[in-house]
Amino acid sequence: PENASQYTANAQSFIARIEQMQVDIEAQLKPFSGKEFIVSHDAFHGFESRFGVEAAGAISDSDAVAPSPKRVAIIRDLVAEKGVTCVLAQPQANVGLINAVAQGATIGLVDELGAGLDIGPDLYENLLRSISQTLADCLAD
């Protein structure tokens, strides 16, 4: 109880930063609404839904399971049919597989775990901004 005012102030500061971050990311990604991209696995549904972007498909349904040859062929066809220009992949992804599916599309390396970010009070905000920047850069190419 003796620190309640500090906790309240910290929470209000965090909420204000998160609200501003949401506005910033919405503005950053708005020009790319409706633009097709592929992800290496379905890790971004919440992010996509919140910020009005949607992956056309995922190479794998899970980061723990390699896609079947049939799945790879389906995604390759999807990339060609839709003129996909961006593939988001995690740093640990199979590079050969990503290149085979990308077919010349820009590959954006996105670390959805934030392993390369500094741990601290800004980690969550920096993680979302990093994902947004990588997606925007990839879609802009």
Protein backbone atom coordinates (compact mmCIF):
# COMPACT_ATOMS: atom_id res chain seq x y z
CA PRO A 1 0.00 0.00 0.00
CA GLU A 2 2.82 2.44 0.70
CA ASN A 3 3.89 2.21 -2.97
CA ALA A 4 0.39 2.31 -4.50
CA SER A 5 0.81 5.79 -5.96
CA GLN A 6 4.06 4.75 -7.69
CA TYR A 7 2.44 1.58 -9.09
CA THR A 8 -0.51 3.61 -10.35
CA ALA A 9 1.79 6.17 -11.98
CA ASN A 10 3.83 3.38 -13.62
CA ALA A 11 0.67 1.72 -14.92
CA GLN A 12 -0.68 5.00 -16.31
CA SER A 13 2.64 5.70 -18.02
CA PHE A 14 2.70 2.22 -19.55
CA ILE A 15 -0.89 2.53 -20.78
CA ALA A 16 -0.12 5.89 -22.39
CA ARG A 17 2.98 4.49 -24.13
CA ILE A 18 1.09 1.42 -25.37
CA GLU A 19 -1.79 3.55 -26.67
CA GLN A 20 0.67 5.79 -28.54
CA MET A 21 2.50 2.76 -29.90
CA GLN A 22 -0.80 1.39 -31.23
CA VAL A 23 -1.53 4.67 -33.01
CA ASP A 24 2.00 4.73 -34.45
CA ILE A 25 1.84 1.13 -35.70
CA GLU A 26 -1.64 1.63 -37.20
CA ALA A 27 -0.33 4.64 -39.13
CA GLN A 28 2.82 2.81 -40.19
CA LEU A 29 0.94 -0.23 -41.53
CA LYS A 30 -2.15 1.49 -42.96
CA PRO A 31 -0.55 2.00 -46.41
CA PHE A 32 -0.05 -1.78 -46.62
CA SER A 33 -3.59 -2.84 -45.74
CA GLY A 34 -4.66 -5.49 -48.23
CA LYS A 35 -1.11 -6.10 -49.46
CA GLU A 36 -0.30 -9.81 -49.49
CA PHE A 37 2.50 -11.38 -47.47
CA ILE A 38 3.44 -14.84 -46.25
CA VAL A 39 4.69 -15.87 -42.81
CA SER A 40 6.88 -18.85 -42.03
CA HIS A 41 4.39 -19.99 -39.38
CA ASP A 42 1.17 -18.71 -37.85
CA ALA A 43 2.56 -16.63 -35.01
CA PHE A 44 1.06 -13.25 -35.81
CA HIS A 45 -2.73 -13.64 -35.82
CA GLY A 46 -3.22 -11.25 -32.91
CA PHE A 47 -0.86 -8.67 -34.39
CA GLU A 48 -2.46 -8.97 -37.84
CA SER A 49 -5.97 -8.64 -36.46
CA ARG A 50 -5.12 -5.67 -34.25
CA PHE A 51 -3.30 -3.70 -36.93
CA GLY A 52 -5.38 -4.47 -40.02
CA VAL A 53 -2.94 -6.58 -41.98
CA GLU A 54 -3.42 -10.22 -42.86
CA ALA A 55 -1.00 -12.87 -44.04
CA ALA A 56 -2.11 -14.64 -47.20
CA GLY A 57 -0.72 -17.87 -45.81
CA ALA A 58 1.81 -19.62 -43.62
CA ILE A 59 4.52 -21.98 -44.80
CA SER A 60 4.02 -24.12 -41.71
CA ASP A 61 1.12 -24.38 -39.29
CA SER A 62 3.54 -24.59 -36.39
CA ASP A 63 7.11 -23.55 -35.71
CA ALA A 64 7.78 -27.04 -34.35
CA VAL A 65 6.66 -28.99 -37.43
CA ALA A 66 8.27 -28.89 -40.85
CA PRO A 67 5.79 -28.31 -43.67
CA SER A 68 5.01 -31.18 -46.01
CA PRO A 69 6.08 -30.99 -49.64
CA LYS A 70 2.40 -30.53 -50.53
CA ARG A 71 2.14 -27.56 -48.16
CA VAL A 72 5.27 -25.98 -49.66
CA ALA A 73 3.83 -26.39 -53.17
CA ILE A 74 0.53 -24.81 -52.09
CA ILE A 75 2.29 -21.79 -50.59
CA ARG A 76 4.59 -21.44 -53.63
CA ASP A 77 1.50 -21.39 -55.86
CA LEU A 78 -0.13 -18.84 -53.56
CA VAL A 79 2.94 -16.58 -53.76
CA ALA A 80 2.83 -16.74 -57.56
CA GLU A 81 -0.97 -16.34 -57.87
CA LYS A 82 -1.25 -13.38 -55.53
CA GLY A 83 1.99 -11.67 -56.49
CA VAL A 84 3.25 -11.83 -52.92
CA THR A 85 6.24 -9.53 -52.46
CA CYS A 86 7.04 -10.20 -48.79
CA VAL A 87 7.80 -13.30 -46.75
CA LEU A 88 8.29 -12.91 -43.00
CA ALA A 89 10.62 -15.49 -41.49
CA GLN A 90 12.12 -16.05 -38.09
CA PRO A 91 15.92 -15.99 -37.76
CA GLN A 92 15.94 -19.73 -37.01
CA ALA A 93 13.86 -20.62 -40.09
CA ASN A 94 15.12 -22.99 -42.77
CA VAL A 95 16.71 -20.53 -45.22
CA GLY A 96 16.54 -22.91 -48.18
CA LEU A 97 12.84 -23.50 -47.60
CA ILE A 98 12.11 -19.80 -47.20
CA ASN A 99 13.99 -18.96 -50.41
CA ALA A 100 12.19 -21.73 -52.32
CA VAL A 101 8.81 -20.37 -51.28
CA ALA A 102 9.71 -16.68 -51.62
CA GLN A 103 10.56 -16.98 -55.32
CA GLY A 104 12.33 -13.63 -55.30
CA ALA A 105 9.99 -11.87 -52.85
CA THR A 106 11.64 -9.78 -50.14
CA ILE A 107 12.37 -11.79 -47.01
CA GLY A 108 11.95 -9.94 -43.74
CA LEU A 109 13.57 -11.50 -40.68
CA VAL A 110 11.32 -10.93 -37.72
CA ASP A 111 12.16 -12.08 -34.22
CA GLU A 112 8.74 -12.51 -32.62
CA LEU A 113 10.41 -13.58 -29.37
CA GLY A 114 12.48 -10.42 -29.04
CA ALA A 115 15.69 -12.37 -28.41
CA GLY A 116 17.79 -9.54 -29.86
CA LEU A 117 16.10 -6.82 -27.82
CA ASP A 118 17.22 -5.40 -24.51
CA ILE A 119 15.34 -6.72 -21.51
CA GLY A 120 13.66 -3.95 -19.59
CA PRO A 121 10.47 -1.98 -19.16
CA ASP A 122 10.27 -1.15 -22.89
CA LEU A 123 10.66 -4.75 -24.14
CA TYR A 124 7.01 -5.32 -25.12
CA GLU A 125 6.71 -1.98 -26.88
CA ASN A 126 10.05 -2.46 -28.65
CA LEU A 127 9.05 -5.97 -29.72
CA LEU A 128 5.83 -4.79 -31.37
CA ARG A 129 7.56 -1.82 -32.98
CA SER A 130 10.26 -4.14 -34.31
CA ILE A 131 7.69 -6.50 -35.85
CA SER A 132 5.85 -3.55 -37.39
CA GLN A 133 9.03 -2.02 -38.82
CA THR A 134 10.17 -5.31 -40.31
CA LEU A 135 6.76 -5.87 -41.92
CA ALA A 136 6.58 -2.31 -43.26
CA ASP A 137 10.10 -2.54 -44.71
CA CYS A 138 9.35 -5.90 -46.29
CA LEU A 139 6.06 -4.76 -47.83
CA ALA A 140 7.58 -1.50 -49.07
CA ASP A 141 10.17 -3.34 -51.21
